[in-house]
Amino acid sequence: MQTIRIIVEGLVQGVFFRQATKDECDKLGIKGRVKNLPDDSVEIIATSEKEKLQHLIEFCKTNPGRSEVKKITAKEIPLESFRNFSIAYF
């Protein structure tokens, strides 16, 4: 198990990107959260097996929802534990 932080830039707010990400993570059994950031990007914190996390990164590249992804940055961070995958609204 590992935790990664993904920053997704482009047209990713207000286009159902977070909901599509949550749906994909629920399908894969990935735990974590997704939230909008003040700079119009989206942050994903995800914990799972390495292969599933790689799948999530590739999924983000497919322009989920009506998004137009321009850049994705992902890095491993210290392991975090989550009960499920949620959309943060704050």
PDB file of N, CA and C in Angstrom:
ATOM      1  N   MET A   1       0.844  -1.184   0.000  1.00  0.00           N
ATOM      2  CA  MET A   1       0.000   0.000   0.000  1.00  0.00           C
ATOM      3  C   MET A   1       0.885   1.242   0.000  1.00  0.00           C
ATOM      4  N   GLN A   2       0.426   2.258  -0.706  1.00  0.00           N
ATOM      5  CA  GLN A   2       1.112   3.530  -0.703  1.00  0.00           C
ATOM      6  C   GLN A   2       0.096   4.643  -0.918  1.00  0.00           C
ATOM      7  N   THR A   3       0.516   5.860  -0.595  1.00  0.00           N
ATOM      8  CA  THR A   3      -0.332   7.032  -0.782  1.00  0.00           C
ATOM      9  C   THR A   3       0.367   7.974  -1.746  1.00  0.00           C
ATOM     10  N   ILE A   4      -0.408   8.521  -2.683  1.00  0.00           N
ATOM     11  CA  ILE A   4       0.133   9.502  -3.613  1.00  0.00           C
ATOM     12  C   ILE A   4      -0.716  10.770  -3.575  1.00  0.00           C
ATOM     13  N   ARG A   5      -0.073  11.867  -3.924  1.00  0.00           N
ATOM     14  CA  ARG A   5      -0.759  13.154  -4.090  1.00  0.00           C
ATOM     15  C   ARG A   5      -0.678  13.509  -5.561  1.00  0.00           C
ATOM     16  N   ILE A   6      -1.828  13.719  -6.165  1.00  0.00           N
ATOM     17  CA  ILE A   6      -1.907  14.056  -7.580  1.00  0.00           C
ATOM     18  C   ILE A   6      -2.481  15.469  -7.692  1.00  0.00           C
ATOM     19  N   ILE A   7      -1.819  16.313  -8.451  1.00  0.00           N
ATOM     20  CA  ILE A   7      -2.345  17.633  -8.776  1.00  0.00           C
ATOM     21  C   ILE A   7      -2.687  17.618 -10.257  1.00  0.00           C
ATOM     22  N   VAL A   8      -3.932  17.964 -10.568  1.00  0.00           N
ATOM     23  CA  VAL A   8      -4.409  17.957 -11.944  1.00  0.00           C
ATOM     24  C   VAL A   8      -4.725  19.401 -12.327  1.00  0.00           C
ATOM     25  N   GLU A   9      -4.110  19.864 -13.413  1.00  0.00           N
ATOM     26  CA  GLU A   9      -4.302  21.234 -13.871  1.00  0.00           C
ATOM     27  C   GLU A   9      -4.984  21.250 -15.223  1.00  0.00           C
ATOM     28  N   GLY A  10      -5.654  22.347 -15.504  1.00  0.00           N
ATOM     29  CA  GLY A  10      -6.393  22.523 -16.741  1.00  0.00           C
ATOM     30  C   GLY A  10      -7.804  22.954 -16.408  1.00  0.00           C
ATOM     31  N   LEU A  11      -8.733  22.638 -17.273  1.00  0.00           N
ATOM     32  CA  LEU A  11     -10.146  22.902 -17.004  1.00  0.00           C
ATOM     33  C   LEU A  11     -10.680  21.694 -16.239  1.00  0.00           C
ATOM     34  N   VAL A  12     -10.566  21.754 -14.913  1.00  0.00           N
ATOM     35  CA  VAL A  12     -10.918  20.588 -14.094  1.00  0.00           C
ATOM     36  C   VAL A  12     -11.900  20.914 -12.967  1.00  0.00           C
ATOM     37  N   GLN A  13     -12.343  22.154 -12.878  1.00  0.00           N
ATOM     38  CA  GLN A  13     -13.341  22.515 -11.862  1.00  0.00           C
ATOM     39  C   GLN A  13     -14.646  22.866 -12.555  1.00  0.00           C
ATOM     40  N   GLY A  14     -15.750  22.392 -11.970  1.00  0.00           N
ATOM     41  CA  GLY A  14     -17.069  22.672 -12.532  1.00  0.00           C
ATOM     42  C   GLY A  14     -17.407  21.848 -13.757  1.00  0.00           C
ATOM     43  N   VAL A  15     -16.689  20.736 -13.962  1.00  0.00           N
ATOM     44  CA  VAL A  15     -16.904  19.910 -15.155  1.00  0.00           C
ATOM     45  C   VAL A  15     -17.052  18.425 -14.793  1.00  0.00           C
ATOM     46  N   PHE A  16     -17.432  18.153 -13.544  1.00  0.00           N
ATOM     47  CA  PHE A  16     -17.669  16.799 -13.032  1.00  0.00           C
ATOM     48  C   PHE A  16     -16.408  15.949 -12.924  1.00  0.00           C
ATOM     49  N   PHE A  17     -15.236  16.592 -12.899  1.00  0.00           N
ATOM     50  CA  PHE A  17     -13.991  15.854 -12.749  1.00  0.00           C
ATOM     51  C   PHE A  17     -13.936  15.128 -11.407  1.00  0.00           C
ATOM     52  N   ARG A  18     -14.285  15.822 -10.320  1.00  0.00           N
ATOM     53  CA  ARG A  18     -14.217  15.193  -9.001  1.00  0.00           C
ATOM     54  C   ARG A  18     -15.171  14.010  -8.901  1.00  0.00           C
ATOM     55  N   GLN A  19     -16.390  14.153  -9.415  1.00  0.00           N
ATOM     56  CA  GLN A  19     -17.349  13.045  -9.338  1.00  0.00           C
ATOM     57  C   GLN A  19     -16.882  11.856 -10.164  1.00  0.00           C
ATOM     58  N   ALA A  20     -16.360  12.105 -11.358  1.00  0.00           N
ATOM     59  CA  ALA A  20     -15.857  11.012 -12.195  1.00  0.00           C
ATOM     60  C   ALA A  20     -14.681  10.310 -11.518  1.00  0.00           C
ATOM     61  N   THR A  21     -13.829  11.096 -10.851  1.00  0.00           N
ATOM     62  CA  THR A  21     -12.696  10.521 -10.131  1.00  0.00           C
ATOM     63  C   THR A  21     -13.177   9.657  -8.972  1.00  0.00           C
ATOM     64  N   LYS A  22     -14.154  10.153  -8.226  1.00  0.00           N
ATOM     65  CA  LYS A  22     -14.709   9.380  -7.116  1.00  0.00           C
ATOM     66  C   LYS A  22     -15.306   8.070  -7.626  1.00  0.00           C
ATOM     67  N   ASP A  23     -16.066   8.130  -8.690  1.00  0.00           N
ATOM     68  CA  ASP A  23     -16.679   6.922  -9.250  1.00  0.00           C
ATOM     69  C   ASP A  23     -15.618   5.897  -9.640  1.00  0.00           C
ATOM     70  N   GLU A  24     -14.532   6.356 -10.264  1.00  0.00           N
ATOM     71  CA  GLU A  24     -13.457   5.446 -10.681  1.00  0.00           C
ATOM     72  C   GLU A  24     -12.754   4.851  -9.459  1.00  0.00           C
ATOM     73  N   CYS A  25     -12.498   5.674  -8.463  1.00  0.00           N
ATOM     74  CA  CYS A  25     -11.828   5.178  -7.252  1.00  0.00           C
ATOM     75  C   CYS A  25     -12.713   4.193  -6.498  1.00  0.00           C
ATOM     76  N   ASP A  26     -14.015   4.461  -6.439  1.00  0.00           N
ATOM     77  CA  ASP A  26     -14.929   3.518  -5.802  1.00  0.00           C
ATOM     78  C   ASP A  26     -14.905   2.175  -6.531  1.00  0.00           C
ATOM     79  N   LYS A  27     -14.884   2.226  -7.854  1.00  0.00           N
ATOM     80  CA  LYS A  27     -14.846   1.010  -8.670  1.00  0.00           C
ATOM     81  C   LYS A  27     -13.568   0.209  -8.406  1.00  0.00           C
ATOM     82  N   LEU A  28     -12.455   0.915  -8.226  1.00  0.00           N
ATOM     83  CA  LEU A  28     -11.151   0.262  -8.037  1.00  0.00           C
ATOM     84  C   LEU A  28     -10.851  -0.075  -6.581  1.00  0.00           C
ATOM     85  N   GLY A  29     -11.644   0.454  -5.654  1.00  0.00           N
ATOM     86  CA  GLY A  29     -11.375   0.225  -4.240  1.00  0.00           C
ATOM     87  C   GLY A  29     -10.267   1.106  -3.686  1.00  0.00           C
ATOM     88  N   ILE A  30     -10.015   2.243  -4.340  1.00  0.00           N
ATOM     89  CA  ILE A  30      -9.015   3.198  -3.869  1.00  0.00           C
ATOM     90  C   ILE A  30      -9.655   4.075  -2.799  1.00  0.00           C
ATOM     91  N   LYS A  31      -8.921   4.323  -1.723  1.00  0.00           N
ATOM     92  CA  LYS A  31      -9.395   5.187  -0.643  1.00  0.00           C
ATOM     93  C   LYS A  31      -8.688   6.529  -0.725  1.00  0.00           C
ATOM     94  N   GLY A  32      -9.370   7.587  -0.257  1.00  0.00           N
ATOM     95  CA  GLY A  32      -8.743   8.903  -0.257  1.00  0.00           C
ATOM     96  C   GLY A  32      -9.756  10.005  -0.412  1.00  0.00           C
ATOM     97  N   ARG A  33      -9.316  11.103  -1.070  1.00  0.00           N
ATOM     98  CA  ARG A  33     -10.207  12.237  -1.273  1.00  0.00           C
ATOM     99  C   ARG A  33      -9.768  13.033  -2.488  1.00  0.00           C
ATOM    100  N   VAL A  34     -10.698  13.816  -3.006  1.00  0.00           N
ATOM    101  CA  VAL A  34     -10.428  14.719  -4.111  1.00  0.00           C
ATOM    102  C   VAL A  34     -11.039  16.065  -3.752  1.00  0.00           C
ATOM    103  N   LYS A  35     -10.305  17.150  -4.054  1.00  0.00           N
ATOM    104  CA  LYS A  35     -10.865  18.471  -3.749  1.00  0.00           C
ATOM    105  C   LYS A  35     -10.326  19.517  -4.714  1.00  0.00           C
ATOM    106  N   ASN A  36     -11.128  20.568  -4.892  1.00  0.00           N
ATOM    107  CA  ASN A  36     -10.709  21.719  -5.677  1.00  0.00           C
ATOM    108  C   ASN A  36      -9.723  22.542  -4.864  1.00  0.00           C
ATOM    109  N   LEU A  37      -8.752  23.121  -5.536  1.00  0.00           N
ATOM    110  CA  LEU A  37      -7.790  24.013  -4.895  1.00  0.00           C
ATOM    111  C   LEU A  37      -8.043  25.447  -5.355  1.00  0.00           C
ATOM    112  N   PRO A  38      -7.633  26.433  -4.573  1.00  0.00           N
ATOM    113  CA  PRO A  38      -7.891  27.830  -4.920  1.00  0.00           C
ATOM    114  C   PRO A  38      -7.298  28.277  -6.262  1.00  0.00           C
ATOM    115  N   ASP A  39      -6.267  27.595  -6.749  1.00  0.00           N
ATOM    116  CA  ASP A  39      -5.639  27.986  -8.019  1.00  0.00           C
ATOM    117  C   ASP A  39      -6.305  27.340  -9.233  1.00  0.00           C
ATOM    118  N   ASP A  40      -7.521  26.792  -9.047  1.00  0.00           N
ATOM    119  CA  ASP A  40      -8.321  26.154 -10.113  1.00  0.00           C
ATOM    120  C   ASP A  40      -7.839  24.768 -10.503  1.00  0.00           C
ATOM    121  N   SER A  41      -6.882  24.219  -9.772  1.00  0.00           N
ATOM    122  CA  SER A  41      -6.480  22.834  -9.998  1.00  0.00           C
ATOM    123  C   SER A  41      -7.264  21.930  -9.046  1.00  0.00           C
ATOM    124  N   VAL A  42      -7.043  20.633  -9.179  1.00  0.00           N
ATOM    125  CA  VAL A  42      -7.690  19.647  -8.314  1.00  0.00           C
ATOM    126  C   VAL A  42      -6.601  18.796  -7.672  1.00  0.00           C
ATOM    127  N   GLU A  43      -6.779  18.513  -6.385  1.00  0.00           N
ATOM    128  CA  GLU A  43      -5.849  17.665  -5.645  1.00  0.00           C
ATOM    129  C   GLU A  43      -6.527  16.334  -5.332  1.00  0.00           C
ATOM    130  N   ILE A  44      -5.816  15.253  -5.583  1.00  0.00           N
ATOM    131  CA  ILE A  44      -6.269  13.914  -5.225  1.00  0.00           C
ATOM    132  C   ILE A  44      -5.244  13.324  -4.271  1.00  0.00           C
ATOM    133  N   ILE A  45      -5.700  12.847  -3.125  1.00  0.00           N
ATOM    134  CA  ILE A  45      -4.870  12.074  -2.210  1.00  0.00           C
ATOM    135  C   ILE A  45      -5.457  10.668  -2.243  1.00  0.00           C
ATOM    136  N   ALA A  46      -4.655   9.690  -2.638  1.00  0.00           N
ATOM    137  CA  ALA A  46      -5.171   8.342  -2.854  1.00  0.00           C
ATOM    138  C   ALA A  46      -4.248   7.292  -2.239  1.00  0.00           C
ATOM    139  N   THR A  47      -4.864   6.308  -1.580  1.00  0.00           N
ATOM    140  CA  THR A  47      -4.128   5.205  -0.974  1.00  0.00           C
ATOM    141  C   THR A  47      -4.630   3.882  -1.549  1.00  0.00           C
ATOM    142  N   SER A  48      -3.695   3.087  -2.042  1.00  0.00           N
ATOM    143  CA  SER A  48      -4.039   1.777  -2.595  1.00  0.00           C
ATOM    144  C   SER A  48      -2.744   1.071  -2.992  1.00  0.00           C
ATOM    145  N   GLU A  49      -2.904  -0.029  -3.738  1.00  0.00           N
ATOM    146  CA  GLU A  49      -1.759  -0.711  -4.293  1.00  0.00           C
ATOM    147  C   GLU A  49      -1.203   0.114  -5.456  1.00  0.00           C
ATOM    148  N   LYS A  50       0.092  -0.026  -5.701  1.00  0.00           N
ATOM    149  CA  LYS A  50       0.776   0.766  -6.721  1.00  0.00           C
ATOM    150  C   LYS A  50       0.100   0.663  -8.089  1.00  0.00           C
ATOM    151  N   GLU A  51      -0.328  -0.526  -8.486  1.00  0.00           N
ATOM    152  CA  GLU A  51      -0.932  -0.713  -9.804  1.00  0.00           C
ATOM    153  C   GLU A  51      -2.241   0.065  -9.940  1.00  0.00           C
ATOM    154  N   LYS A  52      -3.039   0.058  -8.886  1.00  0.00           N
ATOM    155  CA  LYS A  52      -4.308   0.795  -8.925  1.00  0.00           C
ATOM    156  C   LYS A  52      -4.062   2.302  -8.962  1.00  0.00           C
ATOM    157  N   LEU A  53      -3.048   2.755  -8.249  1.00  0.00           N
ATOM    158  CA  LEU A  53      -2.730   4.178  -8.267  1.00  0.00           C
ATOM    159  C   LEU A  53      -2.229   4.601  -9.641  1.00  0.00           C
ATOM    160  N   GLN A  54      -1.464   3.748 -10.301  1.00  0.00           N
ATOM    161  CA  GLN A  54      -1.017   4.050 -11.660  1.00  0.00           C
ATOM    162  C   GLN A  54      -2.221   4.121 -12.606  1.00  0.00           C
ATOM    163  N   HIS A  55      -3.177   3.219 -12.406  1.00  0.00           N
ATOM    164  CA  HIS A  55      -4.406   3.255 -13.205  1.00  0.00           C
ATOM    165  C   HIS A  55      -5.133   4.583 -12.997  1.00  0.00           C
ATOM    166  N   LEU A  56      -5.182   5.059 -11.753  1.00  0.00           N
ATOM    167  CA  LEU A  56      -5.845   6.334 -11.455  1.00  0.00           C
ATOM    168  C   LEU A  56      -5.162   7.487 -12.189  1.00  0.00           C
ATOM    169  N   ILE A  57      -3.840   7.501 -12.202  1.00  0.00           N
ATOM    170  CA  ILE A  57      -3.116   8.546 -12.924  1.00  0.00           C
ATOM    171  C   ILE A  57      -3.468   8.503 -14.408  1.00  0.00           C
ATOM    172  N   GLU A  58      -3.480   7.315 -14.978  1.00  0.00           N
ATOM    173  CA  GLU A  58      -3.836   7.168 -16.396  1.00  0.00           C
ATOM    174  C   GLU A  58      -5.282   7.597 -16.638  1.00  0.00           C
ATOM    175  N   PHE A  59      -6.176   7.264 -15.706  1.00  0.00           N
ATOM    176  CA  PHE A  59      -7.582   7.675 -15.815  1.00  0.00           C
ATOM    177  C   PHE A  59      -7.684   9.194 -15.880  1.00  0.00           C
ATOM    178  N   CYS A  60      -6.931   9.892 -15.052  1.00  0.00           N
ATOM    179  CA  CYS A  60      -6.973  11.359 -15.043  1.00  0.00           C
ATOM    180  C   CYS A  60      -6.583  11.945 -16.395  1.00  0.00           C
ATOM    181  N   LYS A  61      -5.741  11.262 -17.127  1.00  0.00           N
ATOM    182  CA  LYS A  61      -5.301  11.733 -18.445  1.00  0.00           C
ATOM    183  C   LYS A  61      -6.390  11.623 -19.503  1.00  0.00           C
ATOM    184  N   THR A  62      -7.492  10.914 -19.205  1.00  0.00           N
ATOM    185  CA  THR A  62      -8.545  10.692 -20.192  1.00  0.00           C
ATOM    186  C   THR A  62      -9.590  11.799 -20.203  1.00  0.00           C
ATOM    187  N   ASN A  63      -9.341  12.895 -19.481  1.00  0.00           N
ATOM    188  CA  ASN A  63     -10.288  14.013 -19.403  1.00  0.00           C
ATOM    189  C   ASN A  63     -11.653  13.576 -18.867  1.00  0.00           C
ATOM    190  N   PRO A  64     -11.685  13.045 -17.629  1.00  0.00           N
ATOM    191  CA  PRO A  64     -12.952  12.593 -17.044  1.00  0.00           C
ATOM    192  C   PRO A  64     -13.984  13.717 -16.966  1.00  0.00           C
ATOM    193  N   GLY A  65     -15.236  13.335 -16.996  1.00  0.00           N
ATOM    194  CA  GLY A  65     -16.301  14.333 -17.009  1.00  0.00           C
ATOM    195  C   GLY A  65     -16.181  15.134 -18.292  1.00  0.00           C
ATOM    196  N   ARG A  66     -16.240  16.446 -18.161  1.00  0.00           N
ATOM    197  CA  ARG A  66     -16.048  17.319 -19.325  1.00  0.00           C
ATOM    198  C   ARG A  66     -14.751  18.112 -19.181  1.00  0.00           C
ATOM    199  N   SER A  67     -13.789  17.529 -18.474  1.00  0.00           N
ATOM    200  CA  SER A  67     -12.539  18.234 -18.182  1.00  0.00           C
ATOM    201  C   SER A  67     -11.622  18.289 -19.396  1.00  0.00           C
ATOM    202  N   GLU A  68     -10.656  19.198 -19.310  1.00  0.00           N
ATOM    203  CA  GLU A  68      -9.575  19.305 -20.289  1.00  0.00           C
ATOM    204  C   GLU A  68      -8.278  19.359 -19.486  1.00  0.00           C
ATOM    205  N   VAL A  69      -7.728  18.191 -19.216  1.00  0.00           N
ATOM    206  CA  VAL A  69      -6.535  18.080 -18.389  1.00  0.00           C
ATOM    207  C   VAL A  69      -5.319  18.542 -19.183  1.00  0.00           C
ATOM    208  N   LYS A  70      -4.559  19.458 -18.586  1.00  0.00           N
ATOM    209  CA  LYS A  70      -3.354  19.987 -19.242  1.00  0.00           C
ATOM    210  C   LYS A  70      -2.081  19.428 -18.619  1.00  0.00           C
ATOM    211  N   LYS A  71      -2.091  19.182 -17.303  1.00  0.00           N
ATOM    212  CA  LYS A  71      -0.878  18.736 -16.619  1.00  0.00           C
ATOM    213  C   LYS A  71      -1.259  17.915 -15.397  1.00  0.00           C
ATOM    214  N   ILE A  72      -0.504  16.846 -15.167  1.00  0.00           N
ATOM    215  CA  ILE A  72      -0.698  16.003 -13.988  1.00  0.00           C
ATOM    216  C   ILE A  72       0.658  15.844 -13.303  1.00  0.00           C
ATOM    217  N   THR A  73       0.676  16.112 -12.007  1.00  0.00           N
ATOM    218  CA  THR A  73       1.869  15.912 -11.203  1.00  0.00           C
ATOM    219  C   THR A  73       1.509  14.928 -10.096  1.00  0.00           C
ATOM    220  N   ALA A  74       2.274  13.860  -9.962  1.00  0.00           N
ATOM    221  CA  ALA A  74       2.002  12.857  -8.931  1.00  0.00           C
ATOM    222  C   ALA A  74       3.282  12.541  -8.177  1.00  0.00           C
ATOM    223  N   LYS A  75       3.159  12.428  -6.852  1.00  0.00           N
ATOM    224  CA  LYS A  75       4.308  12.021  -6.052  1.00  0.00           C
ATOM    225  C   LYS A  75       3.832  11.224  -4.849  1.00  0.00           C
ATOM    226  N   GLU A  76       4.691  10.318  -4.425  1.00  0.00           N
ATOM    227  CA  GLU A  76       4.379   9.523  -3.243  1.00  0.00           C
ATOM    228  C   GLU A  76       4.558  10.390  -2.002  1.00  0.00           C
ATOM    229  N   ILE A  77       3.634  10.235  -1.061  1.00  0.00           N
ATOM    230  CA  ILE A  77       3.691  10.943   0.217  1.00  0.00           C
ATOM    231  C   ILE A  77       3.581   9.903   1.329  1.00  0.00           C
ATOM    232  N   PRO A  78       3.798  10.293   2.576  1.00  0.00           N
ATOM    233  CA  PRO A  78       3.665   9.315   3.666  1.00  0.00           C
ATOM    234  C   PRO A  78       2.284   8.646   3.658  1.00  0.00           C
ATOM    235  N   LEU A  79       2.270   7.384   4.001  1.00  0.00           N
ATOM    236  CA  LEU A  79       1.046   6.583   3.974  1.00  0.00           C
ATOM    237  C   LEU A  79      -0.041   7.226   4.832  1.00  0.00           C
ATOM    238  N   GLU A  80      -1.223   7.382   4.242  1.00  0.00           N
ATOM    239  CA  GLU A  80      -2.388   7.888   4.950  1.00  0.00           C
ATOM    240  C   GLU A  80      -3.482   6.837   4.886  1.00  0.00           C
ATOM    241  N   SER A  81      -4.308   6.797   5.910  1.00  0.00           N
ATOM    242  CA  SER A  81      -5.398   5.832   5.980  1.00  0.00           C
ATOM    243  C   SER A  81      -6.734   6.552   5.831  1.00  0.00           C
ATOM    244  N   PHE A  82      -7.595   6.011   4.982  1.00  0.00           N
ATOM    245  CA  PHE A  82      -8.924   6.567   4.749  1.00  0.00           C
ATOM    246  C   PHE A  82      -9.955   5.454   4.860  1.00  0.00           C
ATOM    247  N   ARG A  83     -11.176   5.809   5.211  1.00  0.00           N
ATOM    248  CA  ARG A  83     -12.253   4.817   5.304  1.00  0.00           C
ATOM    249  C   ARG A  83     -12.886   4.539   3.943  1.00  0.00           C
ATOM    250  N   ASN A  84     -12.862   5.564   3.070  1.00  0.00           N
ATOM    251  CA  ASN A  84     -13.487   5.448   1.755  1.00  0.00           C
ATOM    252  C   ASN A  84     -12.854   6.491   0.842  1.00  0.00           C
ATOM    253  N   PHE A  85     -13.472   6.740  -0.297  1.00  0.00           N
ATOM    254  CA  PHE A  85     -13.023   7.822  -1.166  1.00  0.00           C
ATOM    255  C   PHE A  85     -14.109   8.877  -1.167  1.00  0.00           C
ATOM    256  N   SER A  86     -13.719  10.119  -0.895  1.00  0.00           N
ATOM    257  CA  SER A  86     -14.723  11.177  -0.758  1.00  0.00           C
ATOM    258  C   SER A  86     -14.348  12.420  -1.558  1.00  0.00           C
ATOM    259  N   ILE A  87     -15.360  13.225  -1.790  1.00  0.00           N
ATOM    260  CA  ILE A  87     -15.182  14.533  -2.398  1.00  0.00           C
ATOM    261  C   ILE A  87     -15.194  15.546  -1.257  1.00  0.00           C
ATOM    262  N   ALA A  88     -14.120  16.318  -1.153  1.00  0.00           N
ATOM    263  CA  ALA A  88     -14.043  17.356  -0.120  1.00  0.00           C
ATOM    264  C   ALA A  88     -14.634  18.646  -0.709  1.00  0.00           C
ATOM    265  N   TYR A  89     -15.504  19.266   0.042  1.00  0.00           N
ATOM    266  CA  TYR A  89     -16.177  20.481  -0.438  1.00  0.00           C
ATOM    267  C   TYR A  89     -15.692  21.723   0.286  1.00  0.00           C
ATOM    268  N   PHE A  90     -14.533  21.672   0.907  1.00  0.00           N
ATOM    269  CA  PHE A  90     -14.018  22.840   1.634  1.00  0.00           C
ATOM    270  C   PHE A  90     -12.593  23.122   1.229  1.00  0.00           C
TER     271      PHE A  90
END
